[in-house]
Amino acid sequence: MTFRQIGRQSREFVSFFRKSERLSEVHAACEHYHGSPLPGIFSAGYQELNAQIQALKPPQNDSIALGERHIAGVQRALERAAAAELSVLERSMSWLATTGSVTPFIGLLGTVIGIINAFNGLGMVKTASIQAVAPGIAEALIATAAGLFAAIPAVIAYNHFLARLKGVAAEMDDFSMEFVNLVERSFR
């Protein structure tokens, strides 16, 4: 799933959430927005809200008033779900970070080995010449270039995806706050 698809699905879910008259309606529709992390967050908050309401066991026709403790429970459920959803999205980021940080060292190792080969070539001949050191220096430069060739795009991609991930995390926080605000307005 791309960040573009996640964003589209999230916008559609938030729109449906805002238009819906009942939370049960939104809960039933969550499966249609599988590309977004927001339905998972909503479901966690909705289930905790229902658990809080059931714990109060109100009479059939009485309205329900949730206290700070109950609303805090809903908020914690939303935060836990958001952390879990973010963890899923972050999974492949470590590969990019590792590639970006390790490959320059692999290139450096190749550089050192190439320079060692250059000095070995120099030691095998009686006079210093470019023909003796050129192959080792070429190896060193190729290894350096290969390390940088892998590292630079990985670091650029990591930073790009990290910025997108921060945007998704902000959307999740905004949605969680909107859900808590709705609960406070509806059940106080």
N, C-alpha and C. Protein backbone atom coordinates (compact mmCIF):
# COMPACT_ATOMS: atom_id res chain seq x y z
N MET A 1 0.85 -1.17 0.00
CA MET A 1 0.00 0.00 0.00
C MET A 1 0.90 1.24 0.00
N THR A 2 0.60 2.19 -0.86
CA THR A 2 1.40 3.41 -0.94
C THR A 2 0.83 4.46 0.01
N PHE A 3 1.65 5.46 0.30
CA PHE A 3 1.18 6.54 1.17
C PHE A 3 0.03 7.30 0.51
N ARG A 4 0.03 7.37 -0.80
CA ARG A 4 -1.06 8.04 -1.51
C ARG A 4 -2.37 7.29 -1.28
N GLN A 5 -2.33 5.96 -1.38
CA GLN A 5 -3.53 5.15 -1.14
C GLN A 5 -3.98 5.25 0.31
N ILE A 6 -3.03 5.24 1.23
CA ILE A 6 -3.36 5.39 2.64
C ILE A 6 -4.05 6.72 2.88
N GLY A 7 -3.52 7.79 2.29
CA GLY A 7 -4.12 9.11 2.45
C GLY A 7 -5.53 9.18 1.88
N ARG A 8 -5.72 8.60 0.70
CA ARG A 8 -7.06 8.61 0.09
C ARG A 8 -8.05 7.85 0.95
N GLN A 9 -7.67 6.64 1.37
CA GLN A 9 -8.56 5.83 2.21
C GLN A 9 -8.85 6.54 3.54
N SER A 10 -7.86 7.19 4.10
CA SER A 10 -8.05 7.91 5.36
C SER A 10 -9.02 9.07 5.20
N ARG A 11 -8.86 9.83 4.12
CA ARG A 11 -9.79 10.95 3.88
C ARG A 11 -11.22 10.45 3.70
N GLU A 12 -11.37 9.37 2.96
CA GLU A 12 -12.71 8.80 2.76
C GLU A 12 -13.30 8.31 4.08
N PHE A 13 -12.49 7.69 4.92
CA PHE A 13 -12.98 7.19 6.20
C PHE A 13 -13.39 8.35 7.11
N VAL A 14 -12.56 9.38 7.19
CA VAL A 14 -12.89 10.54 8.03
C VAL A 14 -14.17 11.20 7.55
N SER A 15 -14.33 11.32 6.24
CA SER A 15 -15.55 11.89 5.68
C SER A 15 -16.77 11.06 6.09
N PHE A 16 -16.66 9.75 5.98
CA PHE A 16 -17.76 8.87 6.38
C PHE A 16 -18.02 8.99 7.88
N PHE A 17 -16.98 9.05 8.68
CA PHE A 17 -17.09 9.20 10.13
C PHE A 17 -17.85 10.48 10.48
N ARG A 18 -17.52 11.57 9.82
CA ARG A 18 -18.16 12.86 10.13
C ARG A 18 -19.61 12.91 9.68
N LYS A 19 -19.95 12.21 8.60
CA LYS A 19 -21.32 12.22 8.09
C LYS A 19 -22.24 11.28 8.85
N SER A 20 -21.67 10.26 9.46
CA SER A 20 -22.49 9.22 10.09
C SER A 20 -23.17 9.74 11.35
N GLU A 21 -24.38 9.25 11.55
CA GLU A 21 -25.15 9.63 12.73
C GLU A 21 -24.86 8.72 13.91
N ARG A 22 -24.40 7.48 13.62
CA ARG A 22 -24.20 6.51 14.69
C ARG A 22 -22.81 5.88 14.57
N LEU A 23 -22.20 5.69 15.71
CA LEU A 23 -20.88 5.07 15.73
C LEU A 23 -20.93 3.61 15.28
N SER A 24 -22.03 2.94 15.55
CA SER A 24 -22.16 1.54 15.12
C SER A 24 -22.13 1.43 13.60
N GLU A 25 -22.66 2.44 12.94
CA GLU A 25 -22.64 2.50 11.47
C GLU A 25 -21.20 2.61 10.96
N VAL A 26 -20.41 3.43 11.63
CA VAL A 26 -19.00 3.60 11.25
C VAL A 26 -18.24 2.30 11.51
N HIS A 27 -18.52 1.68 12.65
CA HIS A 27 -17.83 0.43 12.99
C HIS A 27 -18.11 -0.65 11.94
N ALA A 28 -19.34 -0.72 11.49
CA ALA A 28 -19.70 -1.72 10.48
C ALA A 28 -19.00 -1.45 9.14
N ALA A 29 -18.70 -0.20 8.86
CA ALA A 29 -18.07 0.16 7.58
C ALA A 29 -16.54 0.09 7.61
N CYS A 30 -15.96 -0.16 8.77
CA CYS A 30 -14.49 -0.15 8.90
C CYS A 30 -13.80 -1.10 7.93
N GLU A 31 -14.39 -2.23 7.66
CA GLU A 31 -13.74 -3.22 6.79
C GLU A 31 -13.59 -2.73 5.35
N HIS A 32 -14.34 -1.71 4.97
CA HIS A 32 -14.26 -1.19 3.60
C HIS A 32 -13.08 -0.22 3.42
N TYR A 33 -12.42 0.13 4.51
CA TYR A 33 -11.32 1.09 4.46
C TYR A 33 -10.02 0.43 4.95
N HIS A 34 -9.74 -0.76 4.45
CA HIS A 34 -8.61 -1.54 4.93
C HIS A 34 -7.25 -0.92 4.61
N GLY A 35 -7.19 0.05 3.72
CA GLY A 35 -5.92 0.68 3.37
C GLY A 35 -5.49 1.76 4.33
N SER A 36 -6.37 2.16 5.22
CA SER A 36 -6.09 3.24 6.15
C SER A 36 -5.88 2.70 7.56
N PRO A 37 -5.02 3.34 8.34
CA PRO A 37 -4.87 2.92 9.73
C PRO A 37 -6.01 3.43 10.62
N LEU A 38 -6.80 4.38 10.14
CA LEU A 38 -7.84 5.00 10.97
C LEU A 38 -8.95 4.05 11.40
N PRO A 39 -9.42 3.14 10.55
CA PRO A 39 -10.46 2.21 11.03
C PRO A 39 -10.01 1.35 12.20
N GLY A 40 -8.74 0.96 12.21
CA GLY A 40 -8.22 0.19 13.35
C GLY A 40 -8.23 1.00 14.62
N ILE A 41 -7.88 2.28 14.50
CA ILE A 41 -7.89 3.17 15.65
C ILE A 41 -9.33 3.39 16.11
N PHE A 42 -10.22 3.64 15.15
CA PHE A 42 -11.63 3.82 15.49
C PHE A 42 -12.18 2.60 16.22
N SER A 43 -11.90 1.41 15.69
CA SER A 43 -12.42 0.18 16.28
C SER A 43 -11.96 0.02 17.72
N ALA A 44 -10.70 0.33 17.99
CA ALA A 44 -10.19 0.23 19.36
C ALA A 44 -10.92 1.20 20.28
N GLY A 45 -11.10 2.43 19.81
CA GLY A 45 -11.83 3.42 20.62
C GLY A 45 -13.28 3.05 20.80
N TYR A 46 -13.89 2.55 19.75
CA TYR A 46 -15.31 2.16 19.80
C TYR A 46 -15.51 0.99 20.77
N GLN A 47 -14.63 0.01 20.71
CA GLN A 47 -14.75 -1.14 21.61
C GLN A 47 -14.54 -0.73 23.06
N GLU A 48 -13.59 0.16 23.31
CA GLU A 48 -13.38 0.63 24.68
C GLU A 48 -14.56 1.47 25.15
N LEU A 49 -15.11 2.29 24.28
CA LEU A 49 -16.30 3.08 24.63
C LEU A 49 -17.45 2.15 25.01
N ASN A 50 -17.67 1.12 24.22
CA ASN A 50 -18.74 0.17 24.53
C ASN A 50 -18.47 -0.54 25.85
N ALA A 51 -17.21 -0.88 26.12
CA ALA A 51 -16.86 -1.52 27.39
C ALA A 51 -17.13 -0.59 28.57
N GLN A 52 -16.83 0.69 28.40
CA GLN A 52 -17.09 1.67 29.47
C GLN A 52 -18.60 1.82 29.69
N ILE A 53 -19.35 1.86 28.61
CA ILE A 53 -20.81 1.99 28.72
C ILE A 53 -21.39 0.75 29.39
N GLN A 54 -20.93 -0.43 28.99
CA GLN A 54 -21.43 -1.68 29.59
C GLN A 54 -21.09 -1.75 31.07
N ALA A 55 -19.94 -1.22 31.45
CA ALA A 55 -19.54 -1.23 32.87
C ALA A 55 -20.48 -0.37 33.70
N LEU A 56 -21.01 0.68 33.10
CA LEU A 56 -21.95 1.55 33.82
C LEU A 56 -23.34 0.93 33.91
N LYS A 57 -23.67 0.06 32.98
CA LYS A 57 -24.97 -0.62 32.89
C LYS A 57 -26.15 0.33 33.17
N PRO A 58 -26.36 1.27 32.28
CA PRO A 58 -27.45 2.22 32.50
C PRO A 58 -28.81 1.55 32.27
N PRO A 59 -29.84 2.07 32.95
CA PRO A 59 -31.20 1.59 32.64
C PRO A 59 -31.51 1.86 31.17
N GLN A 60 -32.49 1.16 30.67
CA GLN A 60 -32.81 1.15 29.24
C GLN A 60 -32.94 2.55 28.62
N ASN A 61 -33.67 3.44 29.22
CA ASN A 61 -33.95 4.73 28.58
C ASN A 61 -33.14 5.89 29.13
N ASP A 62 -32.29 5.64 30.10
CA ASP A 62 -31.51 6.73 30.67
C ASP A 62 -30.32 7.07 29.78
N SER A 63 -29.96 8.33 29.81
CA SER A 63 -28.78 8.73 29.05
C SER A 63 -27.53 8.35 29.85
N ILE A 64 -26.45 8.22 29.15
CA ILE A 64 -25.20 7.79 29.77
C ILE A 64 -24.30 9.00 29.93
N ALA A 65 -23.71 9.12 31.10
CA ALA A 65 -22.75 10.19 31.35
C ALA A 65 -21.41 9.55 31.73
N LEU A 66 -20.44 9.75 30.89
CA LEU A 66 -19.11 9.20 31.16
C LEU A 66 -18.27 10.24 31.88
N GLY A 67 -17.52 9.79 32.86
CA GLY A 67 -16.63 10.68 33.59
C GLY A 67 -15.26 10.76 32.93
N GLU A 68 -14.41 11.56 33.54
CA GLU A 68 -13.04 11.73 33.02
C GLU A 68 -12.32 10.39 32.92
N ARG A 69 -12.50 9.55 33.92
CA ARG A 69 -11.83 8.25 33.96
C ARG A 69 -12.24 7.39 32.76
N HIS A 70 -13.52 7.42 32.42
CA HIS A 70 -14.01 6.62 31.30
C HIS A 70 -13.48 7.15 29.96
N ILE A 71 -13.50 8.46 29.83
CA ILE A 71 -13.01 9.08 28.60
C ILE A 71 -11.50 8.87 28.46
N ALA A 72 -10.79 8.91 29.59
CA ALA A 72 -9.35 8.65 29.55
C ALA A 72 -9.07 7.22 29.10
N GLY A 73 -9.94 6.29 29.47
CA GLY A 73 -9.79 4.90 29.01
C GLY A 73 -9.94 4.79 27.51
N VAL A 74 -10.91 5.52 26.97
CA VAL A 74 -11.10 5.54 25.51
C VAL A 74 -9.87 6.15 24.84
N GLN A 75 -9.38 7.22 25.41
CA GLN A 75 -8.21 7.89 24.83
C GLN A 75 -6.98 6.97 24.85
N ARG A 76 -6.79 6.24 25.94
CA ARG A 76 -5.66 5.31 25.99
C ARG A 76 -5.80 4.20 24.94
N ALA A 77 -7.01 3.72 24.74
CA ALA A 77 -7.23 2.69 23.71
C ALA A 77 -6.89 3.23 22.33
N LEU A 78 -7.27 4.47 22.07
CA LEU A 78 -6.95 5.10 20.79
C LEU A 78 -5.43 5.24 20.61
N GLU A 79 -4.75 5.65 21.68
CA GLU A 79 -3.30 5.82 21.60
C GLU A 79 -2.58 4.50 21.37
N ARG A 80 -3.02 3.44 22.06
CA ARG A 80 -2.41 2.12 21.86
C ARG A 80 -2.60 1.65 20.42
N ALA A 81 -3.81 1.83 19.91
CA ALA A 81 -4.10 1.40 18.53
C ALA A 81 -3.28 2.21 17.53
N ALA A 82 -3.15 3.51 17.77
CA ALA A 82 -2.35 4.35 16.87
C ALA A 82 -0.89 3.91 16.88
N ALA A 83 -0.37 3.59 18.05
CA ALA A 83 1.02 3.12 18.15
C ALA A 83 1.20 1.80 17.39
N ALA A 84 0.22 0.91 17.49
CA ALA A 84 0.30 -0.37 16.78
C ALA A 84 0.24 -0.16 15.27
N GLU A 85 -0.66 0.71 14.82
CA GLU A 85 -0.77 0.99 13.38
C GLU A 85 0.51 1.64 12.85
N LEU A 86 1.08 2.55 13.63
CA LEU A 86 2.32 3.21 13.21
C LEU A 86 3.47 2.21 13.14
N SER A 87 3.49 1.28 14.06
CA SER A 87 4.52 0.24 14.05
C SER A 87 4.46 -0.59 12.77
N VAL A 88 3.27 -0.89 12.31
CA VAL A 88 3.11 -1.64 11.06
C VAL A 88 3.65 -0.84 9.89
N LEU A 89 3.36 0.45 9.87
CA LEU A 89 3.82 1.30 8.76
C LEU A 89 5.34 1.51 8.78
N GLU A 90 5.94 1.45 9.96
CA GLU A 90 7.38 1.70 10.10
C GLU A 90 8.24 0.48 9.78
N ARG A 91 7.63 -0.68 9.61
CA ARG A 91 8.41 -1.92 9.47
C ARG A 91 9.51 -1.85 8.43
N SER A 92 9.23 -1.40 7.24
CA SER A 92 10.24 -1.42 6.18
C SER A 92 11.20 -0.23 6.26
N MET A 93 10.92 0.70 7.14
CA MET A 93 11.80 1.86 7.26
C MET A 93 13.18 1.48 7.80
N SER A 94 13.25 0.49 8.67
CA SER A 94 14.54 0.12 9.25
C SER A 94 15.49 -0.41 8.17
N TRP A 95 14.94 -1.07 7.15
CA TRP A 95 15.78 -1.57 6.07
C TRP A 95 16.45 -0.41 5.34
N LEU A 96 15.70 0.65 5.06
CA LEU A 96 16.28 1.81 4.38
C LEU A 96 17.32 2.49 5.26
N ALA A 97 17.02 2.63 6.55
CA ALA A 97 17.97 3.26 7.46
C ALA A 97 19.26 2.46 7.55
N THR A 98 19.13 1.15 7.64
CA THR A 98 20.31 0.29 7.72
C THR A 98 21.13 0.38 6.43
N THR A 99 20.46 0.33 5.30
CA THR A 99 21.16 0.44 4.02
C THR A 99 21.89 1.77 3.92
N GLY A 100 21.23 2.84 4.30
CA GLY A 100 21.84 4.17 4.22
C GLY A 100 23.02 4.35 5.15
N SER A 101 23.00 3.67 6.28
CA SER A 101 24.10 3.86 7.23
C SER A 101 25.23 2.85 7.08
N VAL A 102 24.94 1.65 6.58
CA VAL A 102 25.96 0.60 6.51
C VAL A 102 26.74 0.63 5.19
N THR A 103 26.08 0.91 4.09
CA THR A 103 26.77 0.80 2.79
C THR A 103 27.97 1.73 2.64
N PRO A 104 27.99 2.94 3.23
CA PRO A 104 29.23 3.72 3.12
C PRO A 104 30.41 3.01 3.80
N PHE A 105 30.13 2.29 4.89
CA PHE A 105 31.21 1.56 5.56
C PHE A 105 31.68 0.37 4.73
N ILE A 106 30.75 -0.26 4.03
CA ILE A 106 31.15 -1.35 3.13
C ILE A 106 32.03 -0.77 2.01
N GLY A 107 31.64 0.39 1.50
CA GLY A 107 32.47 1.07 0.50
C GLY A 107 33.83 1.45 1.05
N LEU A 108 33.86 1.90 2.31
CA LEU A 108 35.13 2.24 2.95
C LEU A 108 36.02 1.01 3.11
N LEU A 109 35.42 -0.11 3.48
CA LEU A 109 36.17 -1.36 3.59
C LEU A 109 36.78 -1.73 2.23
N GLY A 110 35.98 -1.60 1.19
CA GLY A 110 36.50 -1.88 -0.16
C GLY A 110 37.62 -0.92 -0.53
N THR A 111 37.50 0.33 -0.09
CA THR A 111 38.55 1.32 -0.36
C THR A 111 39.85 0.90 0.32
N VAL A 112 39.74 0.51 1.58
CA VAL A 112 40.94 0.08 2.32
C VAL A 112 41.58 -1.14 1.65
N ILE A 113 40.76 -2.10 1.27
CA ILE A 113 41.29 -3.30 0.60
C ILE A 113 41.95 -2.92 -0.73
N GLY A 114 41.33 -2.01 -1.47
CA GLY A 114 41.91 -1.56 -2.74
C GLY A 114 43.25 -0.86 -2.55
N ILE A 115 43.36 -0.04 -1.52
CA ILE A 115 44.62 0.66 -1.24
C ILE A 115 45.69 -0.35 -0.82
N ILE A 116 45.28 -1.34 -0.01
CA ILE A 116 46.23 -2.40 0.37
C ILE A 116 46.74 -3.12 -0.87
N ASN A 117 45.83 -3.43 -1.79
CA ASN A 117 46.25 -4.08 -3.05
C ASN A 117 47.19 -3.18 -3.85
N ALA A 118 46.92 -1.87 -3.82
CA ALA A 118 47.79 -0.93 -4.54
C ALA A 118 49.19 -0.96 -3.96
N PHE A 119 49.29 -0.96 -2.62
CA PHE A 119 50.61 -1.01 -2.00
C PHE A 119 51.29 -2.36 -2.23
N ASN A 120 50.51 -3.42 -2.25
CA ASN A 120 51.10 -4.73 -2.57
C ASN A 120 51.66 -4.73 -3.99
N GLY A 121 50.92 -4.16 -4.91
CA GLY A 121 51.40 -4.07 -6.29
C GLY A 121 52.66 -3.23 -6.38
N LEU A 122 52.72 -2.18 -5.58
CA LEU A 122 53.89 -1.32 -5.56
C LEU A 122 55.09 -2.06 -4.97
N GLY A 123 54.83 -2.91 -3.98
CA GLY A 123 55.92 -3.66 -3.34
C GLY A 123 56.48 -4.76 -4.23
N MET A 124 55.73 -5.22 -5.20
CA MET A 124 56.18 -6.31 -6.06
C MET A 124 57.09 -5.84 -7.19
N VAL A 125 57.08 -4.56 -7.46
CA VAL A 125 57.95 -4.05 -8.53
C VAL A 125 59.09 -3.27 -7.89
N LYS A 126 60.18 -3.16 -8.60
CA LYS A 126 61.36 -2.49 -8.05
C LYS A 126 61.26 -0.97 -8.15
N THR A 127 60.50 -0.48 -9.11
CA THR A 127 60.36 0.96 -9.28
C THR A 127 58.89 1.34 -9.20
N ALA A 128 58.63 2.48 -8.63
CA ALA A 128 57.24 2.95 -8.51
C ALA A 128 56.75 3.42 -9.87
N SER A 129 55.60 2.91 -10.27
CA SER A 129 54.99 3.34 -11.53
C SER A 129 53.48 3.30 -11.39
N ILE A 130 52.83 4.01 -12.26
CA ILE A 130 51.37 4.05 -12.24
C ILE A 130 50.78 2.68 -12.54
N GLN A 131 51.46 1.88 -13.35
CA GLN A 131 50.96 0.55 -13.68
C GLN A 131 50.92 -0.35 -12.45
N ALA A 132 51.77 -0.10 -11.49
CA ALA A 132 51.82 -0.93 -10.29
C ALA A 132 50.68 -0.60 -9.33
N VAL A 133 50.32 0.66 -9.23
CA VAL A 133 49.30 1.06 -8.24
C VAL A 133 47.92 1.28 -8.84
N ALA A 134 47.82 1.47 -10.12
CA ALA A 134 46.53 1.79 -10.75
C ALA A 134 45.44 0.75 -10.50
N PRO A 135 45.70 -0.54 -10.64
CA PRO A 135 44.62 -1.50 -10.40
C PRO A 135 44.06 -1.44 -8.98
N GLY A 136 44.92 -1.30 -7.99
CA GLY A 136 44.46 -1.21 -6.60
C GLY A 136 43.66 0.05 -6.33
N ILE A 137 44.13 1.16 -6.88
CA ILE A 137 43.40 2.42 -6.71
C ILE A 137 42.05 2.36 -7.41
N ALA A 138 42.01 1.74 -8.57
CA ALA A 138 40.73 1.58 -9.29
C ALA A 138 39.76 0.75 -8.46
N GLU A 139 40.25 -0.33 -7.84
CA GLU A 139 39.39 -1.13 -6.95
C GLU A 139 38.85 -0.27 -5.81
N ALA A 140 39.73 0.54 -5.24
CA ALA A 140 39.33 1.39 -4.12
C ALA A 140 38.24 2.37 -4.53
N LEU A 141 38.42 2.99 -5.67
CA LEU A 141 37.43 3.97 -6.13
C LEU A 141 36.10 3.32 -6.50
N ILE A 142 36.16 2.14 -7.09
CA ILE A 142 34.93 1.42 -7.44
C ILE A 142 34.16 1.05 -6.18
N ALA A 143 34.87 0.58 -5.15
CA ALA A 143 34.21 0.21 -3.90
C ALA A 143 33.58 1.43 -3.23
N THR A 144 34.29 2.55 -3.24
CA THR A 144 33.75 3.78 -2.67
C THR A 144 32.49 4.21 -3.42
N ALA A 145 32.58 4.20 -4.73
CA ALA A 145 31.42 4.61 -5.54
C ALA A 145 30.23 3.68 -5.32
N ALA A 146 30.48 2.38 -5.22
CA ALA A 146 29.38 1.42 -5.00
C ALA A 146 28.70 1.67 -3.66
N GLY A 147 29.50 1.93 -2.63
CA GLY A 147 28.91 2.22 -1.32
C GLY A 147 28.06 3.47 -1.35
N LEU A 148 28.56 4.51 -1.97
CA LEU A 148 27.79 5.76 -2.08
C LEU A 148 26.58 5.60 -2.98
N PHE A 149 26.74 4.83 -4.04
CA PHE A 149 25.63 4.59 -4.98
C PHE A 149 24.45 3.93 -4.27
N ALA A 150 24.72 3.07 -3.32
CA ALA A 150 23.65 2.42 -2.56
C ALA A 150 23.15 3.32 -1.43
N ALA A 151 24.04 4.03 -0.76
CA ALA A 151 23.67 4.80 0.43
C ALA A 151 22.85 6.04 0.11
N ILE A 152 23.24 6.79 -0.90
CA ILE A 152 22.59 8.07 -1.17
C ILE A 152 21.11 7.90 -1.49
N PRO A 153 20.72 7.03 -2.41
CA PRO A 153 19.28 6.85 -2.65
C PRO A 153 18.53 6.30 -1.43
N ALA A 154 19.19 5.43 -0.65
CA ALA A 154 18.53 4.88 0.53
C ALA A 154 18.25 5.97 1.56
N VAL A 155 19.19 6.87 1.76
CA VAL A 155 18.99 7.96 2.72
C VAL A 155 17.92 8.93 2.22
N ILE A 156 17.93 9.23 0.93
CA ILE A 156 16.90 10.10 0.36
C ILE A 156 15.52 9.46 0.52
N ALA A 157 15.41 8.19 0.18
CA ALA A 157 14.13 7.49 0.32
C ALA A 157 13.69 7.42 1.77
N TYR A 158 14.62 7.15 2.67
CA TYR A 158 14.29 7.09 4.10
C TYR A 158 13.71 8.42 4.58
N ASN A 159 14.38 9.50 4.25
CA ASN A 159 13.91 10.83 4.68
C ASN A 159 12.56 11.16 4.06
N HIS A 160 12.36 10.79 2.81
CA HIS A 160 11.07 11.04 2.15
C HIS A 160 9.95 10.27 2.85
N PHE A 161 10.17 8.97 3.06
CA PHE A 161 9.14 8.15 3.69
C PHE A 161 8.93 8.52 5.15
N LEU A 162 9.98 8.95 5.82
CA LEU A 162 9.84 9.38 7.21
C LEU A 162 8.94 10.61 7.30
N ALA A 163 9.12 11.55 6.37
CA ALA A 163 8.25 12.73 6.34
C ALA A 163 6.80 12.33 6.07
N ARG A 164 6.58 11.41 5.15
CA ARG A 164 5.22 10.94 4.86
C ARG A 164 4.63 10.22 6.07
N LEU A 165 5.46 9.44 6.75
CA LEU A 165 5.02 8.70 7.93
C LEU A 165 4.63 9.66 9.05
N LYS A 166 5.38 10.73 9.20
CA LYS A 166 5.02 11.74 10.21
C LYS A 166 3.68 12.37 9.87
N GLY A 167 3.40 12.57 8.59
CA GLY A 167 2.10 13.10 8.18
C GLY A 167 0.97 12.14 8.53
N VAL A 168 1.17 10.85 8.29
CA VAL A 168 0.16 9.85 8.64
C VAL A 168 -0.03 9.82 10.16
N ALA A 169 1.07 9.92 10.91
CA ALA A 169 0.97 9.93 12.38
C ALA A 169 0.17 11.14 12.85
N ALA A 170 0.37 12.28 12.21
CA ALA A 170 -0.40 13.48 12.57
C ALA A 170 -1.88 13.28 12.26
N GLU A 171 -2.19 12.65 11.13
CA GLU A 171 -3.59 12.35 10.80
C GLU A 171 -4.22 11.42 11.84
N MET A 172 -3.45 10.44 12.30
CA MET A 172 -3.96 9.52 13.32
C MET A 172 -4.23 10.26 14.63
N ASP A 173 -3.32 11.15 15.01
CA ASP A 173 -3.52 11.94 16.23
C ASP A 173 -4.74 12.84 16.10
N ASP A 174 -4.89 13.49 14.95
CA ASP A 174 -6.05 14.36 14.73
C ASP A 174 -7.35 13.57 14.82
N PHE A 175 -7.37 12.40 14.20
CA PHE A 175 -8.57 11.58 14.24
C PHE A 175 -8.88 11.13 15.67
N SER A 176 -7.86 10.74 16.40
CA SER A 176 -8.06 10.31 17.79
C SER A 176 -8.66 11.44 18.62
N MET A 177 -8.14 12.66 18.43
CA MET A 177 -8.69 13.81 19.17
C MET A 177 -10.14 14.08 18.76
N GLU A 178 -10.42 13.96 17.48
CA GLU A 178 -11.79 14.16 17.01
C GLU A 178 -12.73 13.12 17.61
N PHE A 179 -12.28 11.88 17.70
CA PHE A 179 -13.09 10.81 18.29
C PHE A 179 -13.35 11.10 19.77
N VAL A 180 -12.30 11.50 20.51
CA VAL A 180 -12.47 11.82 21.93
C VAL A 180 -13.41 13.01 22.10
N ASN A 181 -13.28 14.02 21.27
CA ASN A 181 -14.18 15.18 21.35
C ASN A 181 -15.63 14.76 21.12
N LEU A 182 -15.86 13.87 20.16
CA LEU A 182 -17.21 13.37 19.90
C LEU A 182 -17.75 12.63 21.12
N VAL A 183 -16.92 11.80 21.73
CA VAL A 183 -17.33 11.06 22.93
C VAL A 183 -17.66 12.03 24.06
N GLU A 184 -16.83 13.04 24.25
CA GLU A 184 -17.09 14.02 25.31
C GLU A 184 -18.39 14.78 25.08
N ARG A 185 -18.65 15.17 23.84
CA ARG A 185 -19.90 15.89 23.54
C ARG A 185 -21.12 14.99 23.69
N SER A 186 -20.98 13.74 23.33
CA SER A 186 -22.13 12.84 23.29
C SER A 186 -22.44 12.17 24.63
N PHE A 187 -21.44 11.99 25.46
CA PHE A 187 -21.64 11.19 26.67
C PHE A 187 -21.29 11.92 27.96
N ARG A 188 -21.44 13.21 27.99
CA ARG A 188 -21.20 13.97 29.23
C ARG A 188 -22.46 14.62 29.68
